[in-house]
Structure formats: C-alpha cells, structure tokens
Amino acid sequence: MGVFGIKPFASNSLFKGDSSLNSPDAEEDDKRARLAIRYILGNPAITAPIPGMINFHQVDNVARAVQDRRELDARESHILQQANAEAWAKLPADYQWLKDWEYV
C-alpha cells in the first residue's frame, strides 16, 4: 500500500509570500517548500508528496529538496513547525477541509 501526501504547501498558506518568482519572500518560500518536502520524504509511512508546482523554478526547488538529506535538524524542525502554525492560521476558507486531513 502507498500513502500520498496531498497539499504539502496547504494551498500556498505555508509561504510568507505568494510563491511567485518576484516575491520579496521568494527565498523564504523556497526554503519552507524544501523543508516541507524533506519532512514528508523522511516519513517512512508516506510514499510520495504531491505538491502543486506552477513553474520550472518550483520544480527545481523541489528537486533540490529531494537531493538534500531527509532528516531535519532541531532548528529546521522548529522553523517548519512555526511555518505550519502560520499556515493553519491563514488557510483560505475553501481549504479549511485540509484541517480534517491533517496527519503530520
């Protein structure tokens, strides 16, 4: 059996900016995306994450996360936990259903 991780970026709620290439928060958004993908890939119960990517840069960024080590250190875990709390707080109304699917 395989388990897939849907919406790892919580409809872009994980990001500080809008995840566009020219966003002033683009570097931070890329970092958060890589941390989320690494966290998911480090979970042996999940077969694959399914992130929504809309441009080549985002594909390259996820590929970079795949190449990085899987396990997050304590600082990275804290950063991701903080980003996740922010994401839940600003989740769009039409994506509130994600709260019912939370696993990790």
PDB file of N, CA and C in Angstrom:
ATOM      1  N   MET A   1       0.839  -1.157   0.000  1.00  0.00           N
ATOM      2  CA  MET A   1       0.000   0.000   0.000  1.00  0.00           C
ATOM      3  C   MET A   1       0.897   1.237   0.000  1.00  0.00           C
ATOM      4  N   GLY A   2       0.513   2.232  -0.740  1.00  0.00           N
ATOM      5  CA  GLY A   2       1.222   3.507  -0.761  1.00  0.00           C
ATOM      6  C   GLY A   2       0.361   4.591  -0.145  1.00  0.00           C
ATOM      7  N   VAL A   3       1.008   5.536   0.495  1.00  0.00           N
ATOM      8  CA  VAL A   3       0.309   6.679   1.068  1.00  0.00           C
ATOM      9  C   VAL A   3       0.897   7.930   0.451  1.00  0.00           C
ATOM     10  N   PHE A   4       0.031   8.803  -0.033  1.00  0.00           N
ATOM     11  CA  PHE A   4       0.475  10.033  -0.671  1.00  0.00           C
ATOM     12  C   PHE A   4       0.170  11.224   0.222  1.00  0.00           C
ATOM     13  N   GLY A   5       1.042  12.227   0.166  1.00  0.00           N
ATOM     14  CA  GLY A   5       0.835  13.454   0.937  1.00  0.00           C
ATOM     15  C   GLY A   5       0.303  14.536   0.031  1.00  0.00           C
ATOM     16  N   ILE A   6      -0.988  14.848   0.138  1.00  0.00           N
ATOM     17  CA  ILE A   6      -1.561  15.887  -0.702  1.00  0.00           C
ATOM     18  C   ILE A   6      -1.442  17.250  -0.029  1.00  0.00           C
ATOM     19  N   LYS A   7      -1.380  18.257  -0.833  1.00  0.00           N
ATOM     20  CA  LYS A   7      -1.371  19.646  -0.361  1.00  0.00           C
ATOM     21  C   LYS A   7      -0.283  19.932   0.683  1.00  0.00           C
ATOM     22  N   PRO A   8       0.978  19.551   0.420  1.00  0.00           N
ATOM     23  CA  PRO A   8       2.017  19.800   1.427  1.00  0.00           C
ATOM     24  C   PRO A   8       2.284  21.287   1.656  1.00  0.00           C
ATOM     25  N   PHE A   9       1.844  22.144   0.728  1.00  0.00           N
ATOM     26  CA  PHE A   9       2.031  23.581   0.901  1.00  0.00           C
ATOM     27  C   PHE A   9       0.739  24.257   1.357  1.00  0.00           C
ATOM     28  N   ALA A  10      -0.300  23.466   1.646  1.00  0.00           N
ATOM     29  CA  ALA A  10      -1.577  23.962   2.169  1.00  0.00           C
ATOM     30  C   ALA A  10      -2.110  25.134   1.348  1.00  0.00           C
ATOM     31  N   SER A  11      -2.217  24.892   0.042  1.00  0.00           N
ATOM     32  CA  SER A  11      -2.737  25.920  -0.869  1.00  0.00           C
ATOM     33  C   SER A  11      -1.961  27.233  -0.729  1.00  0.00           C
ATOM     34  N   ASN A  12      -0.644  27.124  -0.680  1.00  0.00           N
ATOM     35  CA  ASN A  12       0.291  28.252  -0.545  1.00  0.00           C
ATOM     36  C   ASN A  12       0.241  28.932   0.819  1.00  0.00           C
ATOM     37  N   SER A  13      -0.539  28.423   1.742  1.00  0.00           N
ATOM     38  CA  SER A  13      -0.607  29.018   3.084  1.00  0.00           C
ATOM     39  C   SER A  13       0.696  28.826   3.860  1.00  0.00           C
ATOM     40  N   LEU A  14       1.503  27.857   3.452  1.00  0.00           N
ATOM     41  CA  LEU A  14       2.783  27.611   4.113  1.00  0.00           C
ATOM     42  C   LEU A  14       3.766  28.757   3.887  1.00  0.00           C
ATOM     43  N   PHE A  15       3.549  29.510   2.825  1.00  0.00           N
ATOM     44  CA  PHE A  15       4.514  30.525   2.418  1.00  0.00           C
ATOM     45  C   PHE A  15       4.233  31.890   3.033  1.00  0.00           C
ATOM     46  N   LYS A  16       5.295  32.661   3.213  1.00  0.00           N
ATOM     47  CA  LYS A  16       5.157  34.040   3.685  1.00  0.00           C
ATOM     48  C   LYS A  16       4.589  34.914   2.579  1.00  0.00           C
ATOM     49  N   GLY A  17       5.065  34.686   1.359  1.00  0.00           N
ATOM     50  CA  GLY A  17       4.619  35.462   0.205  1.00  0.00           C
ATOM     51  C   GLY A  17       3.586  34.691  -0.594  1.00  0.00           C
ATOM     52  N   ASP A  18       3.545  35.007  -1.878  1.00  0.00           N
ATOM     53  CA  ASP A  18       2.561  34.363  -2.759  1.00  0.00           C
ATOM     54  C   ASP A  18       3.185  33.266  -3.617  1.00  0.00           C
ATOM     55  N   SER A  19       4.408  32.892  -3.330  1.00  0.00           N
ATOM     56  CA  SER A  19       5.195  31.858  -4.018  1.00  0.00           C
ATOM     57  C   SER A  19       5.558  32.225  -5.451  1.00  0.00           C
ATOM     58  N   SER A  20       5.417  33.506  -5.806  1.00  0.00           N
ATOM     59  CA  SER A  20       5.815  33.930  -7.149  1.00  0.00           C
ATOM     60  C   SER A  20       7.324  34.167  -7.195  1.00  0.00           C
ATOM     61  N   LEU A  21       7.874  34.125  -8.381  1.00  0.00           N
ATOM     62  CA  LEU A  21       9.319  34.271  -8.554  1.00  0.00           C
ATOM     63  C   LEU A  21       9.830  35.635  -8.107  1.00  0.00           C
ATOM     64  N   ASN A  22       9.023  36.677  -8.288  1.00  0.00           N
ATOM     65  CA  ASN A  22       9.489  38.023  -7.961  1.00  0.00           C
ATOM     66  C   ASN A  22       8.994  38.510  -6.596  1.00  0.00           C
ATOM     67  N   SER A  23       8.484  37.623  -5.787  1.00  0.00           N
ATOM     68  CA  SER A  23       8.025  37.974  -4.450  1.00  0.00           C
ATOM     69  C   SER A  23       9.217  38.352  -3.579  1.00  0.00           C
ATOM     70  N   PRO A  24       9.068  39.369  -2.736  1.00  0.00           N
ATOM     71  CA  PRO A  24      10.161  39.691  -1.807  1.00  0.00           C
ATOM     72  C   PRO A  24      10.439  38.552  -0.822  1.00  0.00           C
ATOM     73  N   ASP A  25       9.491  37.622  -0.690  1.00  0.00           N
ATOM     74  CA  ASP A  25       9.646  36.483   0.215  1.00  0.00           C
ATOM     75  C   ASP A  25      10.032  35.200  -0.512  1.00  0.00           C
ATOM     76  N   ALA A  26      10.440  35.309  -1.765  1.00  0.00           N
ATOM     77  CA  ALA A  26      10.697  34.118  -2.587  1.00  0.00           C
ATOM     78  C   ALA A  26      11.734  33.188  -1.962  1.00  0.00           C
ATOM     79  N   GLU A  27      12.819  33.736  -1.431  1.00  0.00           N
ATOM     80  CA  GLU A  27      13.866  32.898  -0.840  1.00  0.00           C
ATOM     81  C   GLU A  27      13.329  32.125   0.365  1.00  0.00           C
ATOM     82  N   GLU A  28      12.576  32.809   1.228  1.00  0.00           N
ATOM     83  CA  GLU A  28      11.987  32.156   2.396  1.00  0.00           C
ATOM     84  C   GLU A  28      10.951  31.116   1.975  1.00  0.00           C
ATOM     85  N   ASP A  29      10.152  31.441   0.965  1.00  0.00           N
ATOM     86  CA  ASP A  29       9.150  30.497   0.472  1.00  0.00           C
ATOM     87  C   ASP A  29       9.810  29.239  -0.073  1.00  0.00           C
ATOM     88  N   ASP A  30      10.907  29.405  -0.820  1.00  0.00           N
ATOM     89  CA  ASP A  30      11.641  28.247  -1.339  1.00  0.00           C
ATOM     90  C   ASP A  30      12.159  27.377  -0.204  1.00  0.00           C
ATOM     91  N   LYS A  31      12.682  28.022   0.828  1.00  0.00           N
ATOM     92  CA  LYS A  31      13.218  27.288   1.985  1.00  0.00           C
ATOM     93  C   LYS A  31      12.115  26.493   2.667  1.00  0.00           C
ATOM     94  N   ARG A  32      10.967  27.133   2.876  1.00  0.00           N
ATOM     95  CA  ARG A  32       9.845  26.447   3.519  1.00  0.00           C
ATOM     96  C   ARG A  32       9.359  25.272   2.673  1.00  0.00           C
ATOM     97  N   ALA A  33       9.318  25.450   1.371  1.00  0.00           N
ATOM     98  CA  ALA A  33       8.893  24.360   0.486  1.00  0.00           C
ATOM     99  C   ALA A  33       9.847  23.176   0.608  1.00  0.00           C
ATOM    100  N   ARG A  34      11.148  23.454   0.604  1.00  0.00           N
ATOM    101  CA  ARG A  34      12.128  22.366   0.716  1.00  0.00           C
ATOM    102  C   ARG A  34      12.017  21.658   2.067  1.00  0.00           C
ATOM    103  N   LEU A  35      11.832  22.416   3.140  1.00  0.00           N
ATOM    104  CA  LEU A  35      11.685  21.794   4.456  1.00  0.00           C
ATOM    105  C   LEU A  35      10.464  20.884   4.496  1.00  0.00           C
ATOM    106  N   ALA A  36       9.363  21.338   3.942  1.00  0.00           N
ATOM    107  CA  ALA A  36       8.139  20.521   3.937  1.00  0.00           C
ATOM    108  C   ALA A  36       8.338  19.236   3.141  1.00  0.00           C
ATOM    109  N   ILE A  37       8.945  19.346   1.977  1.00  0.00           N
ATOM    110  CA  ILE A  37       9.173  18.148   1.142  1.00  0.00           C
ATOM    111  C   ILE A  37      10.133  17.199   1.838  1.00  0.00           C
ATOM    112  N   ARG A  38      11.201  17.716   2.411  1.00  0.00           N
ATOM    113  CA  ARG A  38      12.143  16.856   3.125  1.00  0.00           C
ATOM    114  C   ARG A  38      11.480  16.156   4.298  1.00  0.00           C
ATOM    115  N   TYR A  39      10.644  16.884   5.026  1.00  0.00           N
ATOM    116  CA  TYR A  39       9.940  16.297   6.165  1.00  0.00           C
ATOM    117  C   TYR A  39       9.049  15.144   5.700  1.00  0.00           C
ATOM    118  N   ILE A  40       8.329  15.361   4.636  1.00  0.00           N
ATOM    119  CA  ILE A  40       7.437  14.324   4.104  1.00  0.00           C
ATOM    120  C   ILE A  40       8.246  13.122   3.625  1.00  0.00           C
ATOM    121  N   LEU A  41       9.318  13.372   2.882  1.00  0.00           N
ATOM    122  CA  LEU A  41      10.136  12.274   2.365  1.00  0.00           C
ATOM    123  C   LEU A  41      10.828  11.494   3.481  1.00  0.00           C
ATOM    124  N   GLY A  42      11.012  12.136   4.635  1.00  0.00           N
ATOM    125  CA  GLY A  42      11.630  11.460   5.772  1.00  0.00           C
ATOM    126  C   GLY A  42      10.661  10.608   6.569  1.00  0.00           C
ATOM    127  N   ASN A  43       9.386  10.648   6.216  1.00  0.00           N
ATOM    128  CA  ASN A  43       8.379   9.857   6.906  1.00  0.00           C
ATOM    129  C   ASN A  43       8.209   8.526   6.166  1.00  0.00           C
ATOM    130  N   PRO A  44       8.601   7.415   6.767  1.00  0.00           N
ATOM    131  CA  PRO A  44       8.535   6.134   6.062  1.00  0.00           C
ATOM    132  C   PRO A  44       7.106   5.675   5.735  1.00  0.00           C
ATOM    133  N   ALA A  45       6.109   6.293   6.358  1.00  0.00           N
ATOM    134  CA  ALA A  45       4.718   5.903   6.093  1.00  0.00           C
ATOM    135  C   ALA A  45       4.167   6.543   4.823  1.00  0.00           C
ATOM    136  N   ILE A  46       4.878   7.531   4.302  1.00  0.00           N
ATOM    137  CA  ILE A  46       4.383   8.242   3.118  1.00  0.00           C
ATOM    138  C   ILE A  46       5.209   7.841   1.903  1.00  0.00           C
ATOM    139  N   THR A  47       4.520   7.452   0.852  1.00  0.00           N
ATOM    140  CA  THR A  47       5.180   7.028  -0.380  1.00  0.00           C
ATOM    141  C   THR A  47       5.660   8.213  -1.198  1.00  0.00           C
ATOM    142  N   ALA A  48       4.837   9.259  -1.288  1.00  0.00           N
ATOM    143  CA  ALA A  48       5.210  10.402  -2.114  1.00  0.00           C
ATOM    144  C   ALA A  48       4.390  11.636  -1.735  1.00  0.00           C
ATOM    145  N   PRO A  49       5.034  12.807  -1.767  1.00  0.00           N
ATOM    146  CA  PRO A  49       4.282  14.048  -1.620  1.00  0.00           C
ATOM    147  C   PRO A  49       3.737  14.461  -2.989  1.00  0.00           C
ATOM    148  N   ILE A  50       2.641  15.181  -2.991  1.00  0.00           N
ATOM    149  CA  ILE A  50       2.085  15.684  -4.246  1.00  0.00           C
ATOM    150  C   ILE A  50       1.941  17.202  -4.111  1.00  0.00           C
ATOM    151  N   PRO A  51       3.044  17.935  -4.340  1.00  0.00           N
ATOM    152  CA  PRO A  51       2.968  19.385  -4.240  1.00  0.00           C
ATOM    153  C   PRO A  51       2.451  19.999  -5.542  1.00  0.00           C
ATOM    154  N   GLY A  52       1.730  21.088  -5.416  1.00  0.00           N
ATOM    155  CA  GLY A  52       1.307  21.833  -6.590  1.00  0.00           C
ATOM    156  C   GLY A  52       2.438  22.759  -7.015  1.00  0.00           C
ATOM    157  N   MET A  53       2.938  22.576  -8.216  1.00  0.00           N
ATOM    158  CA  MET A  53       4.026  23.415  -8.728  1.00  0.00           C
ATOM    159  C   MET A  53       3.547  24.059 -10.019  1.00  0.00           C
ATOM    160  N   ILE A  54       3.824  25.374 -10.161  1.00  0.00           N
ATOM    161  CA  ILE A  54       3.289  26.091 -11.305  1.00  0.00           C
ATOM    162  C   ILE A  54       4.342  26.673 -12.242  1.00  0.00           C
ATOM    163  N   ASN A  55       5.630  26.471 -11.927  1.00  0.00           N
ATOM    164  CA  ASN A  55       6.673  26.965 -12.822  1.00  0.00           C
ATOM    165  C   ASN A  55       7.933  26.100 -12.666  1.00  0.00           C
ATOM    166  N   PHE A  56       8.860  26.284 -13.585  1.00  0.00           N
ATOM    167  CA  PHE A  56      10.088  25.485 -13.570  1.00  0.00           C
ATOM    168  C   PHE A  56      10.921  25.723 -12.319  1.00  0.00           C
ATOM    169  N   HIS A  57      10.921  26.921 -11.818  1.00  0.00           N
ATOM    170  CA  HIS A  57      11.686  27.221 -10.607  1.00  0.00           C
ATOM    171  C   HIS A  57      11.194  26.363  -9.442  1.00  0.00           C
ATOM    172  N   GLN A  58       9.886  26.239  -9.296  1.00  0.00           N
ATOM    173  CA  GLN A  58       9.339  25.435  -8.201  1.00  0.00           C
ATOM    174  C   GLN A  58       9.695  23.963  -8.373  1.00  0.00           C
ATOM    175  N   VAL A  59       9.703  23.479  -9.593  1.00  0.00           N
ATOM    176  CA  VAL A  59      10.119  22.089  -9.852  1.00  0.00           C
ATOM    177  C   VAL A  59      11.579  21.915  -9.461  1.00  0.00           C
ATOM    178  N   ASP A  60      12.432  22.864  -9.856  1.00  0.00           N
ATOM    179  CA  ASP A  60      13.849  22.794  -9.490  1.00  0.00           C
ATOM    180  C   ASP A  60      14.036  22.842  -7.978  1.00  0.00           C
ATOM    181  N   ASN A  61      13.235  23.661  -7.302  1.00  0.00           N
ATOM    182  CA  ASN A  61      13.347  23.774  -5.851  1.00  0.00           C
ATOM    183  C   ASN A  61      12.968  22.464  -5.163  1.00  0.00           C
ATOM    184  N   VAL A  62      11.918  21.808  -5.636  1.00  0.00           N
ATOM    185  CA  VAL A  62      11.531  20.518  -5.061  1.00  0.00           C
ATOM    186  C   VAL A  62      12.600  19.463  -5.362  1.00  0.00           C
ATOM    187  N   ALA A  63      13.164  19.509  -6.562  1.00  0.00           N
ATOM    188  CA  ALA A  63      14.245  18.574  -6.897  1.00  0.00           C
ATOM    189  C   ALA A  63      15.438  18.786  -5.960  1.00  0.00           C
ATOM    190  N   ARG A  64      15.701  20.031  -5.624  1.00  0.00           N
ATOM    191  CA  ARG A  64      16.781  20.329  -4.672  1.00  0.00           C
ATOM    192  C   ARG A  64      16.476  19.708  -3.308  1.00  0.00           C
ATOM    193  N   ALA A  65      15.220  19.770  -2.888  1.00  0.00           N
ATOM    194  CA  ALA A  65      14.828  19.169  -1.605  1.00  0.00           C
ATOM    195  C   ALA A  65      15.034  17.661  -1.628  1.00  0.00           C
ATOM    196  N   VAL A  66      14.740  17.040  -2.751  1.00  0.00           N
ATOM    197  CA  VAL A  66      14.912  15.586  -2.891  1.00  0.00           C
ATOM    198  C   VAL A  66      16.390  15.219  -2.763  1.00  0.00           C
ATOM    199  N   GLN A  67      17.268  16.091  -3.248  1.00  0.00           N
ATOM    200  CA  GLN A  67      18.705  15.829  -3.199  1.00  0.00           C
ATOM    201  C   GLN A  67      19.293  16.067  -1.810  1.00  0.00           C
ATOM    202  N   ASP A  68      18.650  16.922  -1.008  1.00  0.00           N
ATOM    203  CA  ASP A  68      19.133  17.218   0.346  1.00  0.00           C
ATOM    204  C   ASP A  68      18.927  16.016   1.262  1.00  0.00           C
ATOM    205  N   ARG A  69      19.579  16.049   2.406  1.00  0.00           N
ATOM    206  CA  ARG A  69      19.354  14.997   3.391  1.00  0.00           C
ATOM    207  C   ARG A  69      17.911  15.049   3.851  1.00  0.00           C
ATOM    208  N   ARG A  70      17.377  13.930   4.240  1.00  0.00           N
ATOM    209  CA  ARG A  70      15.964  13.836   4.602  1.00  0.00           C
ATOM    210  C   ARG A  70      15.665  14.400   5.980  1.00  0.00           C
ATOM    211  N   GLU A  71      16.432  13.967   6.976  1.00  0.00           N
ATOM    212  CA  GLU A  71      16.112  14.288   8.361  1.00  0.00           C
ATOM    213  C   GLU A  71      16.365  15.767   8.655  1.00  0.00           C
ATOM    214  N   LEU A  72      15.369  16.400   9.268  1.00  0.00           N
ATOM    215  CA  LEU A  72      15.515  17.791   9.664  1.00  0.00           C
ATOM    216  C   LEU A  72      16.230  17.860  11.005  1.00  0.00           C
ATOM    217  N   ASP A  73      17.111  18.854  11.151  1.00  0.00           N
ATOM    218  CA  ASP A  73      17.731  19.038  12.470  1.00  0.00           C
ATOM    219  C   ASP A  73      16.749  19.815  13.354  1.00  0.00           C
ATOM    220  N   ALA A  74      17.116  20.042  14.601  1.00  0.00           N
ATOM    221  CA  ALA A  74      16.210  20.681  15.558  1.00  0.00           C
ATOM    222  C   ALA A  74      15.801  22.084  15.108  1.00  0.00           C
ATOM    223  N   ARG A  75      16.741  22.852  14.581  1.00  0.00           N
ATOM    224  CA  ARG A  75      16.435  24.210  14.122  1.00  0.00           C
ATOM    225  C   ARG A  75      15.474  24.186  12.952  1.00  0.00           C
ATOM    226  N   GLU A  76      15.724  23.293  11.992  1.00  0.00           N
ATOM    227  CA  GLU A  76      14.838  23.171  10.829  1.00  0.00           C
ATOM    228  C   GLU A  76      13.446  22.708  11.241  1.00  0.00           C
ATOM    229  N   SER A  77      13.377  21.774  12.175  1.00  0.00           N
ATOM    230  CA  SER A  77      12.078  21.302  12.664  1.00  0.00           C
ATOM    231  C   SER A  77      11.290  22.443  13.299  1.00  0.00           C
ATOM    232  N   HIS A  78      11.971  23.266  14.073  1.00  0.00           N
ATOM    233  CA  HIS A  78      11.319  24.410  14.713  1.00  0.00           C
ATOM    234  C   HIS A  78      10.803  25.397  13.655  1.00  0.00           C
ATOM    235  N   ILE A  79      11.613  25.690  12.660  1.00  0.00           N
ATOM    236  CA  ILE A  79      11.211  26.600  11.580  1.00  0.00           C
ATOM    237  C   ILE A  79       9.976  26.057  10.871  1.00  0.00           C
ATOM    238  N   LEU A  80       9.974  24.760  10.575  1.00  0.00           N
ATOM    239  CA  LEU A  80       8.842  24.168   9.879  1.00  0.00           C
ATOM    240  C   LEU A  80       7.591  24.145  10.760  1.00  0.00           C
ATOM    241  N   GLN A  81       7.747  23.866  12.036  1.00  0.00           N
ATOM    242  CA  GLN A  81       6.597  23.893  12.957  1.00  0.00           C
ATOM    243  C   GLN A  81       5.987  25.288  13.022  1.00  0.00           C
ATOM    244  N   GLN A  82       6.836  26.294  13.066  1.00  0.00           N
ATOM    245  CA  GLN A  82       6.364  27.679  13.093  1.00  0.00           C
ATOM    246  C   GLN A  82       5.627  28.020  11.789  1.00  0.00           C
ATOM    247  N   ALA A  83       6.210  27.627  10.669  1.00  0.00           N
ATOM    248  CA  ALA A  83       5.589  27.882   9.366  1.00  0.00           C
ATOM    249  C   ALA A  83       4.254  27.159   9.258  1.00  0.00           C
ATOM    250  N   ASN A  84       4.195  25.948   9.795  1.00  0.00           N
ATOM    251  CA  ASN A  84       2.958  25.169   9.758  1.00  0.00           C
ATOM    252  C   ASN A  84       1.864  25.836  10.599  1.00  0.00           C
ATOM    253  N   ALA A  85       2.227  26.368  11.754  1.00  0.00           N
ATOM    254  CA  ALA A  85       1.249  27.075  12.594  1.00  0.00           C
ATOM    255  C   ALA A  85       0.709  28.301  11.866  1.00  0.00           C
ATOM    256  N   GLU A  86       1.594  29.021  11.188  1.00  0.00           N
ATOM    257  CA  GLU A  86       1.168  30.181  10.401  1.00  0.00           C
ATOM    258  C   GLU A  86       0.249  29.746   9.257  1.00  0.00           C
ATOM    259  N   ALA A  87       0.581  28.625   8.631  1.00  0.00           N
ATOM    260  CA  ALA A  87      -0.221  28.132   7.504  1.00  0.00           C
ATOM    261  C   ALA A  87      -1.639  27.798   7.944  1.00  0.00           C
ATOM    262  N   TRP A  88      -1.775  27.086   9.068  1.00  0.00           N
ATOM    263  CA  TRP A  88      -3.114  26.738   9.556  1.00  0.00           C
ATOM    264  C   TRP A  88      -3.917  27.993   9.881  1.00  0.00           C
ATOM    265  N   ALA A  89      -3.236  29.006  10.412  1.00  0.00           N
ATOM    266  CA  ALA A  89      -3.927  30.238  10.799  1.00  0.00           C
ATOM    267  C   ALA A  89      -4.442  31.025   9.600  1.00  0.00           C
ATOM    268  N   LYS A  90      -3.775  30.918   8.450  1.00  0.00           N
ATOM    269  CA  LYS A  90      -4.210  31.710   7.293  1.00  0.00           C
ATOM    270  C   LYS A  90      -4.756  30.860   6.143  1.00  0.00           C
ATOM    271  N   LEU A  91      -5.152  29.652   6.440  1.00  0.00           N
ATOM    272  CA  LEU A  91      -5.709  28.762   5.427  1.00  0.00           C
ATOM    273  C   LEU A  91      -6.982  29.381   4.830  1.00  0.00           C
ATOM    274  N   PRO A  92      -7.079  29.468   3.487  1.00  0.00           N
ATOM    275  CA  PRO A  92      -8.279  30.053   2.873  1.00  0.00           C
ATOM    276  C   PRO A  92      -9.542  29.272   3.235  1.00  0.00           C
ATOM    277  N   ALA A  93     -10.655  29.953   3.229  1.00  0.00           N
ATOM    278  CA  ALA A  93     -11.939  29.347   3.620  1.00  0.00           C
ATOM    279  C   ALA A  93     -12.248  28.090   2.818  1.00  0.00           C
ATOM    280  N   ASP A  94     -11.944  28.106   1.526  1.00  0.00           N
ATOM    281  CA  ASP A  94     -12.268  26.946   0.696  1.00  0.00           C
ATOM    282  C   ASP A  94     -11.276  25.794   0.857  1.00  0.00           C
ATOM    283  N   TYR A  95     -10.281  25.953   1.741  1.00  0.00           N
ATOM    284  CA  TYR A  95      -9.335  24.872   2.031  1.00  0.00           C
ATOM    285  C   TYR A  95      -9.363  24.461   3.505  1.00  0.00           C
ATOM    286  N   GLN A  96     -10.368  24.893   4.238  1.00  0.00           N
ATOM    287  CA  GLN A  96     -10.486  24.506   5.642  1.00  0.00           C
ATOM    288  C   GLN A  96     -10.612  22.993   5.808  1.00  0.00           C
ATOM    289  N   TRP A  97     -11.088  22.312   4.763  1.00  0.00           N
ATOM    290  CA  TRP A  97     -11.227  20.858   4.812  1.00  0.00           C
ATOM    291  C   TRP A  97      -9.886  20.174   5.060  1.00  0.00           C
ATOM    292  N   LEU A  98      -8.779  20.847   4.743  1.00  0.00           N
ATOM    293  CA  LEU A  98      -7.462  20.248   4.979  1.00  0.00           C
ATOM    294  C   LEU A  98      -7.239  19.944   6.461  1.00  0.00           C
ATOM    295  N   LYS A  99      -7.848  20.732   7.329  1.00  0.00           N
ATOM    296  CA  LYS A  99      -7.672  20.509   8.774  1.00  0.00           C
ATOM    297  C   LYS A  99      -8.203  19.126   9.179  1.00  0.00           C
ATOM    298  N   ASP A 100      -9.197  18.629   8.442  1.00  0.00           N
ATOM    299  CA  ASP A 100      -9.735  17.296   8.732  1.00  0.00           C
ATOM    300  C   ASP A 100      -8.812  16.179   8.237  1.00  0.00           C
ATOM    301  N   TRP A 101      -7.866  16.518   7.379  1.00  0.00           N
ATOM    302  CA  TRP A 101      -6.961  15.529   6.789  1.00  0.00           C
ATOM    303  C   TRP A 101      -5.564  15.582   7.391  1.00  0.00           C
ATOM    304  N   GLU A 102      -5.357  16.433   8.386  1.00  0.00           N
ATOM    305  CA  GLU A 102      -4.025  16.591   8.946  1.00  0.00           C
ATOM    306  C   GLU A 102      -3.534  15.272   9.532  1.00  0.00           C
ATOM    307  N   TYR A 103      -2.320  14.923   9.199  1.00  0.00           N
ATOM    308  CA  TYR A 103      -1.709  13.708   9.718  1.00  0.00           C
ATOM    309  C   TYR A 103      -0.413  14.013  10.427  1.00  0.00           C
ATOM    310  N   VAL A 104       0.434  14.770   9.776  1.00  0.00           N
ATOM    311  CA  VAL A 104       1.771  15.043  10.330  1.00  0.00           C
ATOM    312  C   VAL A 104       1.904  16.485  10.734  1.00  0.00           C
TER     313      VAL A 104
END
